[in-house]
Amino acid sequence: MLRLDLHIHTCFSKDSAAPIASVVQRIQMNGLGPVAITDHDDIQGALDVRRLAPFPVIIGEEIKSTDGDIIGLFLQRRVPSGLTPLETVGQIQDQGGLVLVPHPFCRLRTSVLDHGALMDILPFIDLIEAYNARTVLPGDNQKGLVFAREHALPMVASSDAHSALELGGTYTEVPDSEYDGTAQGLVRAVNAGQTVGKRSNPLWLMAPGYAKLRKVFA
């Protein structure tokens, strides 16, 4: 079985201070892989992790659209922020990438995709987070699970790690025979897998704020 984590941040995100080497070490230590590195509006961290890692790395990006965050996977180039959700999805698909909706119903984040926008891009969604380890209110993750089932969307569990210590407790377990390294192979594997979710330590939830402060005063 493979343990996929498709939503990981490095120091290339404005709200993460996780060094590339530490992220690679922790992923390897916890037997994760393939993984997707999905920094905010940047793919350089993903490229750096892939160069260093002994495990498969998917180039991803958490893209800030005009109506909330959308993750692109299997990207060849950075997708610019500030586009509409439909334009963002179009740029992902033009690269042969997958569209992943992160933390779809988290009420404590301002970056959640607007519900109207979520419905607009529904026909183009390839994967959705049914569990996000940094979603504090359990009912919000449950809403994601129910939505995924109602719309027959492949479900993943993601750490949304902003520090290396968060890696390893949340992942999607899939049969290695189903994943062939391609975008469609990933969707097929997720459909044959199961989610494993463990809520992040409350102290780790402070990592983004700490990282922002460090960068401001660096």
N, C-alpha and C. Protein backbone atom coordinates (compact mmCIF):
# COMPACT_ATOMS: atom_id res chain seq x y z
N MET A 1 0.83 -1.20 0.00
CA MET A 1 0.00 0.00 0.00
C MET A 1 0.87 1.25 0.00
N LEU A 2 0.38 2.29 -0.65
CA LEU A 2 1.05 3.58 -0.68
C LEU A 2 0.30 4.57 0.22
N ARG A 3 1.04 5.48 0.82
CA ARG A 3 0.43 6.52 1.65
C ARG A 3 0.61 7.87 0.97
N LEU A 4 -0.48 8.37 0.42
CA LEU A 4 -0.43 9.63 -0.31
C LEU A 4 -0.77 10.80 0.61
N ASP A 5 0.00 11.85 0.52
CA ASP A 5 -0.37 13.13 1.15
C ASP A 5 -0.26 14.18 0.06
N LEU A 6 -1.38 14.74 -0.33
CA LEU A 6 -1.45 15.59 -1.52
C LEU A 6 -1.58 17.08 -1.20
N HIS A 7 -1.23 17.47 0.03
CA HIS A 7 -1.36 18.88 0.41
C HIS A 7 -0.32 19.18 1.49
N ILE A 8 0.89 19.57 1.04
CA ILE A 8 2.03 19.81 1.93
C ILE A 8 2.68 21.14 1.55
N HIS A 9 3.04 21.91 2.58
CA HIS A 9 3.70 23.20 2.37
C HIS A 9 5.16 23.15 2.82
N THR A 10 5.97 24.00 2.19
CA THR A 10 7.36 24.16 2.57
C THR A 10 7.62 25.65 2.84
N CYS A 11 8.87 25.99 3.06
CA CYS A 11 9.25 27.38 3.33
C CYS A 11 8.97 28.31 2.14
N PHE A 12 8.57 27.77 1.00
CA PHE A 12 8.22 28.62 -0.13
C PHE A 12 6.79 29.16 -0.02
N SER A 13 6.05 28.69 0.99
CA SER A 13 4.76 29.31 1.32
C SER A 13 5.00 30.41 2.33
N LYS A 14 4.27 31.50 2.19
CA LYS A 14 4.47 32.64 3.09
C LYS A 14 4.16 32.30 4.54
N ASP A 15 3.33 31.26 4.76
CA ASP A 15 2.94 30.90 6.12
C ASP A 15 3.57 29.59 6.59
N SER A 16 4.69 29.22 6.01
CA SER A 16 5.42 28.03 6.43
C SER A 16 6.91 28.33 6.49
N ALA A 17 7.56 27.77 7.50
CA ALA A 17 9.02 27.91 7.61
C ALA A 17 9.69 26.55 7.48
N ALA A 18 8.96 25.55 6.99
CA ALA A 18 9.48 24.18 6.92
C ALA A 18 10.60 24.07 5.89
N PRO A 19 11.84 23.77 6.32
CA PRO A 19 12.95 23.63 5.37
C PRO A 19 12.74 22.43 4.44
N ILE A 20 13.20 22.56 3.23
CA ILE A 20 13.05 21.49 2.24
C ILE A 20 13.62 20.17 2.77
N ALA A 21 14.82 20.21 3.32
CA ALA A 21 15.48 18.99 3.79
C ALA A 21 14.69 18.33 4.90
N SER A 22 14.11 19.12 5.81
CA SER A 22 13.32 18.57 6.91
C SER A 22 12.04 17.91 6.40
N VAL A 23 11.41 18.53 5.42
CA VAL A 23 10.20 17.96 4.83
C VAL A 23 10.52 16.61 4.18
N VAL A 24 11.58 16.56 3.43
CA VAL A 24 11.98 15.31 2.77
C VAL A 24 12.27 14.23 3.82
N GLN A 25 13.02 14.59 4.84
CA GLN A 25 13.38 13.63 5.88
C GLN A 25 12.16 13.09 6.60
N ARG A 26 11.23 13.96 6.92
CA ARG A 26 10.04 13.54 7.67
C ARG A 26 9.12 12.67 6.81
N ILE A 27 8.98 13.01 5.55
CA ILE A 27 8.17 12.20 4.63
C ILE A 27 8.75 10.79 4.55
N GLN A 28 10.05 10.71 4.39
CA GLN A 28 10.71 9.41 4.29
C GLN A 28 10.60 8.63 5.59
N MET A 29 10.76 9.30 6.72
CA MET A 29 10.70 8.66 8.02
C MET A 29 9.33 8.03 8.27
N ASN A 30 8.28 8.67 7.76
CA ASN A 30 6.93 8.19 8.01
C ASN A 30 6.36 7.32 6.89
N GLY A 31 7.20 6.97 5.93
CA GLY A 31 6.76 6.05 4.89
C GLY A 31 5.71 6.61 3.96
N LEU A 32 5.72 7.93 3.78
CA LEU A 32 4.78 8.55 2.86
C LEU A 32 5.32 8.53 1.44
N GLY A 33 4.44 8.59 0.48
CA GLY A 33 4.84 8.70 -0.90
C GLY A 33 3.98 7.83 -1.80
N PRO A 34 3.62 8.37 -2.94
CA PRO A 34 3.93 9.70 -3.46
C PRO A 34 3.28 10.82 -2.64
N VAL A 35 3.88 12.00 -2.72
CA VAL A 35 3.34 13.18 -2.05
C VAL A 35 3.25 14.31 -3.06
N ALA A 36 2.39 15.29 -2.73
CA ALA A 36 2.30 16.51 -3.54
C ALA A 36 2.72 17.69 -2.67
N ILE A 37 3.65 18.47 -3.17
CA ILE A 37 4.05 19.70 -2.51
C ILE A 37 3.22 20.83 -3.13
N THR A 38 2.49 21.54 -2.29
CA THR A 38 1.47 22.48 -2.79
C THR A 38 1.62 23.83 -2.09
N ASP A 39 2.71 24.49 -2.33
CA ASP A 39 2.91 25.80 -1.71
C ASP A 39 1.93 26.82 -2.27
N HIS A 40 1.69 27.87 -1.49
CA HIS A 40 0.78 28.92 -1.92
C HIS A 40 1.37 29.69 -3.10
N ASP A 41 0.71 29.60 -4.25
CA ASP A 41 1.04 30.40 -5.43
C ASP A 41 2.51 30.25 -5.85
N ASP A 42 3.06 29.04 -5.68
CA ASP A 42 4.48 28.82 -5.99
C ASP A 42 4.71 27.33 -6.22
N ILE A 43 5.55 26.98 -7.18
CA ILE A 43 5.90 25.57 -7.38
C ILE A 43 7.38 25.29 -7.13
N GLN A 44 8.15 26.32 -6.73
CA GLN A 44 9.59 26.12 -6.56
C GLN A 44 9.90 25.12 -5.45
N GLY A 45 9.14 25.18 -4.36
CA GLY A 45 9.34 24.22 -3.28
C GLY A 45 9.14 22.80 -3.75
N ALA A 46 8.12 22.58 -4.57
CA ALA A 46 7.86 21.24 -5.10
C ALA A 46 9.01 20.77 -5.98
N LEU A 47 9.54 21.66 -6.79
CA LEU A 47 10.67 21.30 -7.65
C LEU A 47 11.89 20.97 -6.82
N ASP A 48 12.13 21.73 -5.73
CA ASP A 48 13.29 21.47 -4.88
C ASP A 48 13.15 20.15 -4.13
N VAL A 49 11.94 19.87 -3.63
CA VAL A 49 11.72 18.59 -2.95
C VAL A 49 11.93 17.44 -3.92
N ARG A 50 11.42 17.57 -5.13
CA ARG A 50 11.57 16.48 -6.11
C ARG A 50 13.03 16.21 -6.42
N ARG A 51 13.84 17.26 -6.49
CA ARG A 51 15.26 17.06 -6.77
C ARG A 51 15.98 16.30 -5.65
N LEU A 52 15.50 16.49 -4.43
CA LEU A 52 16.17 15.91 -3.27
C LEU A 52 15.60 14.57 -2.84
N ALA A 53 14.35 14.32 -3.16
CA ALA A 53 13.64 13.18 -2.58
C ALA A 53 13.93 11.85 -3.26
N PRO A 54 13.98 10.77 -2.46
CA PRO A 54 14.09 9.42 -3.01
C PRO A 54 12.72 8.78 -3.26
N PHE A 55 11.66 9.55 -3.09
CA PHE A 55 10.29 9.07 -3.29
C PHE A 55 9.63 9.94 -4.36
N PRO A 56 8.52 9.47 -4.96
CA PRO A 56 7.86 10.26 -6.01
C PRO A 56 7.23 11.53 -5.47
N VAL A 57 7.43 12.62 -6.19
CA VAL A 57 6.89 13.92 -5.80
C VAL A 57 6.05 14.48 -6.95
N ILE A 58 4.82 14.86 -6.63
CA ILE A 58 3.91 15.50 -7.58
C ILE A 58 4.05 17.01 -7.43
N ILE A 59 4.23 17.69 -8.55
CA ILE A 59 4.34 19.15 -8.52
C ILE A 59 2.94 19.74 -8.40
N GLY A 60 2.72 20.45 -7.29
CA GLY A 60 1.41 21.04 -7.05
C GLY A 60 1.52 22.50 -6.64
N GLU A 61 0.38 23.11 -6.49
CA GLU A 61 0.31 24.51 -6.08
C GLU A 61 -1.08 24.78 -5.49
N GLU A 62 -1.12 25.46 -4.35
CA GLU A 62 -2.39 25.93 -3.79
C GLU A 62 -2.58 27.36 -4.30
N ILE A 63 -3.53 27.50 -5.19
CA ILE A 63 -3.69 28.73 -5.96
C ILE A 63 -4.81 29.58 -5.38
N LYS A 64 -4.52 30.84 -5.14
CA LYS A 64 -5.52 31.76 -4.61
C LYS A 64 -6.31 32.35 -5.77
N SER A 65 -7.51 31.86 -5.97
CA SER A 65 -8.39 32.43 -7.00
C SER A 65 -9.15 33.61 -6.40
N THR A 66 -9.96 34.26 -7.20
CA THR A 66 -10.73 35.40 -6.72
C THR A 66 -11.78 34.99 -5.69
N ASP A 67 -12.10 33.68 -5.64
CA ASP A 67 -13.14 33.22 -4.72
C ASP A 67 -12.67 32.09 -3.81
N GLY A 68 -11.36 31.98 -3.59
CA GLY A 68 -10.85 30.97 -2.68
C GLY A 68 -9.81 30.06 -3.29
N ASP A 69 -9.27 29.19 -2.45
CA ASP A 69 -8.13 28.35 -2.85
C ASP A 69 -8.55 27.11 -3.65
N ILE A 70 -7.73 26.81 -4.64
CA ILE A 70 -7.87 25.60 -5.46
C ILE A 70 -6.47 25.02 -5.62
N ILE A 71 -6.34 23.71 -5.49
CA ILE A 71 -5.04 23.06 -5.67
C ILE A 71 -4.96 22.45 -7.06
N GLY A 72 -3.84 22.69 -7.72
CA GLY A 72 -3.54 22.03 -8.98
C GLY A 72 -2.44 21.00 -8.75
N LEU A 73 -2.59 19.82 -9.32
CA LEU A 73 -1.59 18.75 -9.21
C LEU A 73 -1.09 18.36 -10.60
N PHE A 74 0.13 17.86 -10.66
CA PHE A 74 0.78 17.48 -11.93
C PHE A 74 0.98 18.70 -12.82
N LEU A 75 1.45 19.76 -12.21
CA LEU A 75 1.66 21.00 -12.97
C LEU A 75 3.03 21.02 -13.65
N GLN A 76 3.08 21.70 -14.77
CA GLN A 76 4.32 21.92 -15.50
C GLN A 76 4.87 23.32 -15.24
N ARG A 77 3.96 24.22 -14.88
CA ARG A 77 4.34 25.61 -14.63
C ARG A 77 3.38 26.21 -13.61
N ARG A 78 3.81 27.30 -13.01
CA ARG A 78 3.01 27.97 -11.99
C ARG A 78 1.73 28.55 -12.59
N VAL A 79 0.63 28.39 -11.86
CA VAL A 79 -0.64 29.02 -12.23
C VAL A 79 -0.72 30.34 -11.47
N PRO A 80 -0.96 31.46 -12.15
CA PRO A 80 -1.01 32.76 -11.44
C PRO A 80 -2.20 32.86 -10.51
N SER A 81 -2.02 33.58 -9.42
CA SER A 81 -3.13 33.84 -8.50
C SER A 81 -4.00 34.96 -9.07
N GLY A 82 -5.18 35.14 -8.48
CA GLY A 82 -6.05 36.25 -8.86
C GLY A 82 -6.96 35.99 -10.04
N LEU A 83 -6.95 34.76 -10.56
CA LEU A 83 -7.87 34.41 -11.64
C LEU A 83 -9.20 33.96 -11.04
N THR A 84 -10.25 33.94 -11.83
CA THR A 84 -11.51 33.39 -11.35
C THR A 84 -11.34 31.88 -11.15
N PRO A 85 -12.21 31.26 -10.36
CA PRO A 85 -12.11 29.81 -10.19
C PRO A 85 -12.14 29.04 -11.52
N LEU A 86 -13.02 29.44 -12.41
CA LEU A 86 -13.09 28.73 -13.70
C LEU A 86 -11.82 28.95 -14.52
N GLU A 87 -11.25 30.15 -14.47
CA GLU A 87 -9.99 30.40 -15.17
C GLU A 87 -8.86 29.60 -14.54
N THR A 88 -8.86 29.50 -13.22
CA THR A 88 -7.84 28.72 -12.52
C THR A 88 -7.92 27.26 -12.91
N VAL A 89 -9.12 26.71 -12.90
CA VAL A 89 -9.32 25.32 -13.30
C VAL A 89 -8.86 25.12 -14.74
N GLY A 90 -9.19 26.08 -15.61
CA GLY A 90 -8.78 25.97 -17.01
C GLY A 90 -7.28 25.91 -17.17
N GLN A 91 -6.56 26.72 -16.39
CA GLN A 91 -5.09 26.72 -16.47
C GLN A 91 -4.51 25.40 -15.97
N ILE A 92 -5.13 24.83 -14.95
CA ILE A 92 -4.67 23.52 -14.44
C ILE A 92 -4.89 22.45 -15.51
N GLN A 93 -6.08 22.43 -16.08
CA GLN A 93 -6.40 21.40 -17.07
C GLN A 93 -5.60 21.57 -18.36
N ASP A 94 -5.25 22.80 -18.72
CA ASP A 94 -4.43 23.03 -19.91
C ASP A 94 -3.07 22.36 -19.78
N GLN A 95 -2.61 22.13 -18.54
CA GLN A 95 -1.33 21.49 -18.30
C GLN A 95 -1.47 19.97 -18.11
N GLY A 96 -2.70 19.47 -18.25
CA GLY A 96 -2.93 18.05 -18.01
C GLY A 96 -2.99 17.72 -16.53
N GLY A 97 -3.24 18.75 -15.70
CA GLY A 97 -3.24 18.57 -14.26
C GLY A 97 -4.60 18.17 -13.69
N LEU A 98 -4.58 17.90 -12.39
CA LEU A 98 -5.79 17.54 -11.66
C LEU A 98 -6.23 18.71 -10.78
N VAL A 99 -7.53 18.82 -10.59
CA VAL A 99 -8.11 19.85 -9.73
C VAL A 99 -8.51 19.21 -8.40
N LEU A 100 -7.90 19.71 -7.32
CA LEU A 100 -8.20 19.23 -5.96
C LEU A 100 -8.75 20.40 -5.16
N VAL A 101 -9.88 20.19 -4.51
CA VAL A 101 -10.48 21.22 -3.66
C VAL A 101 -10.04 20.98 -2.21
N PRO A 102 -9.30 21.93 -1.62
CA PRO A 102 -8.86 21.77 -0.24
C PRO A 102 -9.86 22.33 0.77
N HIS A 103 -9.89 21.71 1.96
CA HIS A 103 -10.70 22.18 3.10
C HIS A 103 -11.98 22.89 2.65
N PRO A 104 -12.89 22.17 1.97
CA PRO A 104 -14.01 22.83 1.29
C PRO A 104 -15.03 23.53 2.18
N PHE A 105 -15.16 23.11 3.45
CA PHE A 105 -16.20 23.69 4.29
C PHE A 105 -15.66 24.21 5.62
N CYS A 106 -14.38 24.51 5.68
CA CYS A 106 -13.79 25.00 6.92
C CYS A 106 -14.25 26.43 7.20
N ARG A 107 -14.97 26.61 8.29
CA ARG A 107 -15.56 27.93 8.60
C ARG A 107 -14.55 28.89 9.21
N LEU A 108 -13.37 28.41 9.59
CA LEU A 108 -12.41 29.26 10.27
C LEU A 108 -11.33 29.79 9.33
N ARG A 109 -11.48 29.59 8.04
CA ARG A 109 -10.49 30.08 7.07
C ARG A 109 -11.15 31.04 6.09
N THR A 110 -10.46 32.11 5.81
CA THR A 110 -10.96 33.06 4.82
C THR A 110 -10.64 32.61 3.40
N SER A 111 -9.78 31.60 3.27
CA SER A 111 -9.33 31.16 1.94
C SER A 111 -10.19 30.04 1.35
N VAL A 112 -11.23 29.63 2.06
CA VAL A 112 -12.09 28.55 1.56
C VAL A 112 -12.81 29.00 0.30
N LEU A 113 -12.91 28.08 -0.65
CA LEU A 113 -13.60 28.38 -1.90
C LEU A 113 -15.06 28.71 -1.62
N ASP A 114 -15.50 29.82 -2.14
CA ASP A 114 -16.90 30.24 -2.02
C ASP A 114 -17.83 29.13 -2.53
N HIS A 115 -18.96 28.93 -1.84
CA HIS A 115 -19.84 27.81 -2.20
C HIS A 115 -20.34 27.92 -3.64
N GLY A 116 -20.68 29.14 -4.06
CA GLY A 116 -21.13 29.31 -5.45
C GLY A 116 -20.05 28.93 -6.43
N ALA A 117 -18.80 29.30 -6.11
CA ALA A 117 -17.68 28.95 -6.98
C ALA A 117 -17.45 27.45 -6.97
N LEU A 118 -17.62 26.83 -5.79
CA LEU A 118 -17.48 25.37 -5.69
C LEU A 118 -18.45 24.68 -6.64
N MET A 119 -19.68 25.15 -6.67
CA MET A 119 -20.68 24.54 -7.54
C MET A 119 -20.36 24.83 -9.01
N ASP A 120 -19.80 26.01 -9.30
CA ASP A 120 -19.43 26.35 -10.68
C ASP A 120 -18.37 25.39 -11.23
N ILE A 121 -17.40 25.04 -10.38
CA ILE A 121 -16.31 24.19 -10.87
C ILE A 121 -16.57 22.70 -10.63
N LEU A 122 -17.72 22.38 -10.05
CA LEU A 122 -18.03 20.98 -9.71
C LEU A 122 -17.77 20.00 -10.86
N PRO A 123 -18.16 20.32 -12.10
CA PRO A 123 -17.93 19.35 -13.18
C PRO A 123 -16.45 19.08 -13.46
N PHE A 124 -15.56 19.93 -12.96
CA PHE A 124 -14.14 19.82 -13.28
C PHE A 124 -13.29 19.33 -12.10
N ILE A 125 -13.94 19.04 -10.97
CA ILE A 125 -13.20 18.59 -9.79
C ILE A 125 -12.79 17.13 -9.95
N ASP A 126 -11.50 16.87 -9.75
CA ASP A 126 -10.99 15.50 -9.82
C ASP A 126 -10.90 14.85 -8.44
N LEU A 127 -10.58 15.64 -7.41
CA LEU A 127 -10.40 15.14 -6.05
C LEU A 127 -10.89 16.21 -5.08
N ILE A 128 -11.30 15.77 -3.90
CA ILE A 128 -11.72 16.72 -2.86
C ILE A 128 -11.26 16.21 -1.50
N GLU A 129 -10.91 17.13 -0.63
CA GLU A 129 -10.51 16.73 0.71
C GLU A 129 -11.75 16.42 1.55
N ALA A 130 -11.86 15.16 1.95
CA ALA A 130 -12.90 14.77 2.89
C ALA A 130 -12.39 14.88 4.32
N TYR A 131 -11.06 15.00 4.45
CA TYR A 131 -10.45 15.22 5.76
C TYR A 131 -9.21 16.08 5.59
N ASN A 132 -9.18 17.17 6.35
CA ASN A 132 -8.01 18.05 6.38
C ASN A 132 -7.59 18.14 7.84
N ALA A 133 -6.34 17.78 8.13
CA ALA A 133 -5.89 17.67 9.51
C ALA A 133 -5.87 19.01 10.24
N ARG A 134 -5.86 20.10 9.49
CA ARG A 134 -5.82 21.43 10.11
C ARG A 134 -7.20 22.08 10.19
N THR A 135 -8.24 21.35 9.81
CA THR A 135 -9.61 21.84 9.97
C THR A 135 -10.03 21.55 11.40
N VAL A 136 -10.25 22.61 12.16
CA VAL A 136 -10.43 22.47 13.61
C VAL A 136 -11.78 21.88 13.98
N LEU A 137 -12.84 22.32 13.34
CA LEU A 137 -14.19 21.88 13.71
C LEU A 137 -14.53 20.57 13.00
N PRO A 138 -14.73 19.47 13.75
CA PRO A 138 -14.97 18.16 13.12
C PRO A 138 -16.14 18.17 12.15
N GLY A 139 -17.17 18.95 12.44
CA GLY A 139 -18.32 18.98 11.55
C GLY A 139 -18.00 19.52 10.18
N ASP A 140 -16.96 20.34 10.08
CA ASP A 140 -16.59 20.90 8.78
C ASP A 140 -15.98 19.82 7.88
N ASN A 141 -15.16 18.96 8.46
CA ASN A 141 -14.64 17.82 7.68
C ASN A 141 -15.78 16.89 7.29
N GLN A 142 -16.73 16.71 8.20
CA GLN A 142 -17.87 15.83 7.90
C GLN A 142 -18.67 16.36 6.72
N LYS A 143 -18.82 17.69 6.63
CA LYS A 143 -19.53 18.28 5.50
C LYS A 143 -18.81 17.97 4.18
N GLY A 144 -17.48 17.99 4.22
CA GLY A 144 -16.71 17.65 3.02
C GLY A 144 -16.94 16.21 2.60
N LEU A 145 -16.99 15.32 3.59
CA LEU A 145 -17.24 13.90 3.33
C LEU A 145 -18.62 13.71 2.70
N VAL A 146 -19.62 14.33 3.28
CA VAL A 146 -20.99 14.20 2.76
C VAL A 146 -21.09 14.76 1.35
N PHE A 147 -20.48 15.93 1.12
CA PHE A 147 -20.51 16.54 -0.21
C PHE A 147 -19.85 15.63 -1.24
N ALA A 148 -18.71 15.05 -0.88
CA ALA A 148 -18.01 14.15 -1.79
C ALA A 148 -18.86 12.94 -2.16
N ARG A 149 -19.53 12.38 -1.17
CA ARG A 149 -20.38 11.22 -1.43
C ARG A 149 -21.59 11.60 -2.28
N GLU A 150 -22.18 12.75 -1.99
CA GLU A 150 -23.36 13.18 -2.76
C GLU A 150 -23.03 13.37 -4.23
N HIS A 151 -21.80 13.81 -4.52
CA HIS A 151 -21.43 14.13 -5.90
C HIS A 151 -20.45 13.12 -6.49
N ALA A 152 -20.28 11.99 -5.80
CA ALA A 152 -19.43 10.90 -6.29
C ALA A 152 -18.02 11.38 -6.65
N LEU A 153 -17.44 12.19 -5.74
CA LEU A 153 -16.09 12.72 -5.97
C LEU A 153 -15.06 11.88 -5.21
N PRO A 154 -13.94 11.57 -5.84
CA PRO A 154 -12.88 10.84 -5.14
C PRO A 154 -12.37 11.65 -3.95
N MET A 155 -12.25 10.99 -2.79
CA MET A 155 -11.94 11.67 -1.54
C MET A 155 -10.51 11.39 -1.08
N VAL A 156 -9.86 12.44 -0.57
CA VAL A 156 -8.53 12.28 0.01
C VAL A 156 -8.51 12.88 1.41
N ALA A 157 -7.54 12.42 2.20
CA ALA A 157 -7.23 13.02 3.50
C ALA A 157 -5.85 13.64 3.38
N SER A 158 -5.71 14.87 3.85
CA SER A 158 -4.45 15.61 3.67
C SER A 158 -3.99 16.21 4.99
N SER A 159 -2.68 16.26 5.17
CA SER A 159 -2.14 16.88 6.38
C SER A 159 -2.23 18.40 6.33
N ASP A 160 -2.14 18.98 5.12
CA ASP A 160 -2.06 20.44 4.97
C ASP A 160 -0.90 20.95 5.83
N ALA A 161 0.17 20.17 5.89
CA ALA A 161 1.28 20.46 6.81
C ALA A 161 1.96 21.77 6.47
N HIS A 162 2.17 22.58 7.51
CA HIS A 162 2.93 23.82 7.39
C HIS A 162 4.24 23.72 8.18
N SER A 163 4.45 22.57 8.80
CA SER A 163 5.70 22.25 9.47
C SER A 163 5.97 20.77 9.27
N ALA A 164 7.23 20.38 9.27
CA ALA A 164 7.59 18.99 9.00
C ALA A 164 7.01 18.04 10.05
N LEU A 165 6.83 18.51 11.27
CA LEU A 165 6.33 17.66 12.36
C LEU A 165 4.90 17.19 12.13
N GLU A 166 4.17 17.88 11.27
CA GLU A 166 2.77 17.51 11.02
C GLU A 166 2.63 16.33 10.06
N LEU A 167 3.69 15.92 9.44
CA LEU A 167 3.61 14.88 8.41
C LEU A 167 3.55 13.48 9.02
N GLY A 168 2.70 12.65 8.45
CA GLY A 168 2.67 11.24 8.82
C GLY A 168 1.40 10.76 9.48
N GLY A 169 0.59 11.66 10.03
CA GLY A 169 -0.61 11.22 10.72
C GLY A 169 -1.85 11.17 9.84
N THR A 170 -1.82 11.88 8.75
CA THR A 170 -2.98 11.96 7.85
C THR A 170 -2.53 11.68 6.43
N TYR A 171 -3.25 10.78 5.76
CA TYR A 171 -2.87 10.40 4.40
C TYR A 171 -4.01 9.60 3.76
N THR A 172 -3.87 9.32 2.50
CA THR A 172 -4.80 8.45 1.78
C THR A 172 -4.04 7.18 1.42
N GLU A 173 -4.52 6.06 1.90
CA GLU A 173 -3.84 4.78 1.66
C GLU A 173 -4.44 4.12 0.43
N VAL A 174 -3.58 3.81 -0.54
CA VAL A 174 -4.06 3.26 -1.81
C VAL A 174 -3.23 2.05 -2.22
N PRO A 175 -3.80 1.14 -3.01
CA PRO A 175 -3.04 -0.01 -3.50
C PRO A 175 -1.96 0.45 -4.47
N ASP A 176 -0.73 0.00 -4.27
CA ASP A 176 0.35 0.43 -5.16
C ASP A 176 0.14 -0.07 -6.58
N SER A 177 -0.64 -1.13 -6.74
CA SER A 177 -0.90 -1.66 -8.09
C SER A 177 -1.78 -0.73 -8.92
N GLU A 178 -2.48 0.21 -8.26
CA GLU A 178 -3.39 1.10 -8.97
C GLU A 178 -2.72 2.38 -9.45
N TYR A 179 -1.58 2.74 -8.85
CA TYR A 179 -0.96 4.02 -9.19
C TYR A 179 0.21 3.81 -10.15
N ASP A 180 0.12 4.41 -11.32
CA ASP A 180 1.15 4.24 -12.34
C ASP A 180 1.96 5.52 -12.58
N GLY A 181 1.80 6.50 -11.70
CA GLY A 181 2.56 7.74 -11.84
C GLY A 181 1.88 8.80 -12.66
N THR A 182 0.74 8.51 -13.23
CA THR A 182 0.02 9.47 -14.06
C THR A 182 -1.11 10.14 -13.26
N ALA A 183 -1.62 11.23 -13.82
CA ALA A 183 -2.72 11.93 -13.17
C ALA A 183 -3.95 11.03 -13.05
N GLN A 184 -4.31 10.38 -14.13
CA GLN A 184 -5.48 9.51 -14.08
C GLN A 184 -5.23 8.28 -13.21
N GLY A 185 -3.99 7.83 -13.18
CA GLY A 185 -3.63 6.73 -12.29
C GLY A 185 -3.83 7.11 -10.83
N LEU A 186 -3.56 8.37 -10.51
CA LEU A 186 -3.76 8.84 -9.14
C LEU A 186 -5.25 8.82 -8.78
N VAL A 187 -6.09 9.30 -9.68
CA VAL A 187 -7.52 9.28 -9.43
C VAL A 187 -8.01 7.85 -9.25
N ARG A 188 -7.53 6.97 -10.10
CA ARG A 188 -7.92 5.56 -10.00
C ARG A 188 -7.49 4.96 -8.65
N ALA A 189 -6.28 5.29 -8.22
CA ALA A 189 -5.77 4.77 -6.96
C ALA A 189 -6.58 5.30 -5.78
N VAL A 190 -6.90 6.60 -5.82
CA VAL A 190 -7.69 7.19 -4.73
C VAL A 190 -9.06 6.53 -4.64
N ASN A 191 -9.67 6.25 -5.78
CA ASN A 191 -10.97 5.58 -5.78
C ASN A 191 -10.91 4.19 -5.17
N ALA A 192 -9.75 3.58 -5.21
CA ALA A 192 -9.58 2.23 -4.66
C ALA A 192 -9.02 2.26 -3.24
N GLY A 193 -8.80 3.47 -2.70
CA GLY A 193 -8.14 3.59 -1.41
C GLY A 193 -9.07 3.98 -0.28
N GLN A 194 -8.46 4.39 0.84
CA GLN A 194 -9.22 4.84 2.00
C GLN A 194 -8.46 5.96 2.69
N THR A 195 -9.21 6.83 3.36
CA THR A 195 -8.59 7.97 4.03
C THR A 195 -8.26 7.61 5.48
N VAL A 196 -7.12 8.15 5.93
CA VAL A 196 -6.69 7.99 7.32
C VAL A 196 -6.45 9.40 7.86
N GLY A 197 -7.25 9.81 8.83
CA GLY A 197 -7.15 11.18 9.31
C GLY A 197 -6.85 11.29 10.78
N LYS A 198 -5.92 12.13 11.12
CA LYS A 198 -5.58 12.43 12.51
C LYS A 198 -5.43 13.94 12.64
N ARG A 199 -6.20 14.53 13.53
CA ARG A 199 -6.19 15.98 13.69
C ARG A 199 -4.81 16.46 14.15
N SER A 200 -4.36 17.58 13.60
CA SER A 200 -3.07 18.14 13.97
C SER A 200 -3.05 18.55 15.43
N ASN A 201 -1.89 18.42 16.06
CA ASN A 201 -1.68 18.95 17.39
C ASN A 201 -2.02 20.44 17.40
N PRO A 202 -2.80 20.92 18.38
CA PRO A 202 -3.16 22.34 18.41
C PRO A 202 -1.96 23.28 18.35
N LEU A 203 -0.83 22.85 18.90
CA LEU A 203 0.36 23.70 18.86
C LEU A 203 0.84 23.90 17.43
N TRP A 204 0.69 22.86 16.59
CA TRP A 204 1.13 22.96 15.20
C TRP A 204 0.26 23.93 14.40
N LEU A 205 -0.96 24.15 14.87
CA LEU A 205 -1.85 25.07 14.17
C LEU A 205 -1.32 26.51 14.23
N MET A 206 -0.38 26.74 15.15
CA MET A 206 0.21 28.07 15.27
C MET A 206 1.37 28.28 14.31
N ALA A 207 1.77 27.22 13.60
CA ALA A 207 2.94 27.30 12.72
C ALA A 207 2.82 28.37 11.65
N PRO A 208 1.67 28.53 10.96
CA PRO A 208 1.60 29.57 9.93
C PRO A 208 1.84 30.98 10.47
N GLY A 209 1.23 31.30 11.61
CA GLY A 209 1.43 32.62 12.18
C GLY A 209 2.87 32.85 12.59
N TYR A 210 3.49 31.82 13.17
CA TYR A 210 4.88 31.92 13.57
C TYR A 210 5.77 32.12 12.35
N ALA A 211 5.48 31.38 11.28
CA ALA A 211 6.29 31.49 10.06
C ALA A 211 6.18 32.89 9.45
N LYS A 212 4.98 33.44 9.44
CA LYS A 212 4.80 34.79 8.89
C LYS A 212 5.61 35.82 9.67
N LEU A 213 5.58 35.70 11.00
CA LEU A 213 6.33 36.63 11.85
C LEU A 213 7.82 36.51 11.59
N ARG A 214 8.30 35.29 11.48
CA ARG A 214 9.73 35.06 11.23
C ARG A 214 10.16 35.73 9.94
N LYS A 215 9.31 35.62 8.92
CA LYS A 215 9.69 36.18 7.62
C LYS A 215 9.61 37.70 7.61
N VAL A 216 8.68 38.23 8.39
CA VAL A 216 8.57 39.68 8.48
C VAL A 216 9.81 40.27 9.14
N PHE A 217 10.30 39.61 10.21
CA PHE A 217 11.39 40.16 10.99
C PHE A 217 12.75 39.57 10.63
N ALA A 218 12.79 38.76 9.56
CA ALA A 218 14.06 38.13 9.16
C ALA A 218 15.02 39.20 8.62
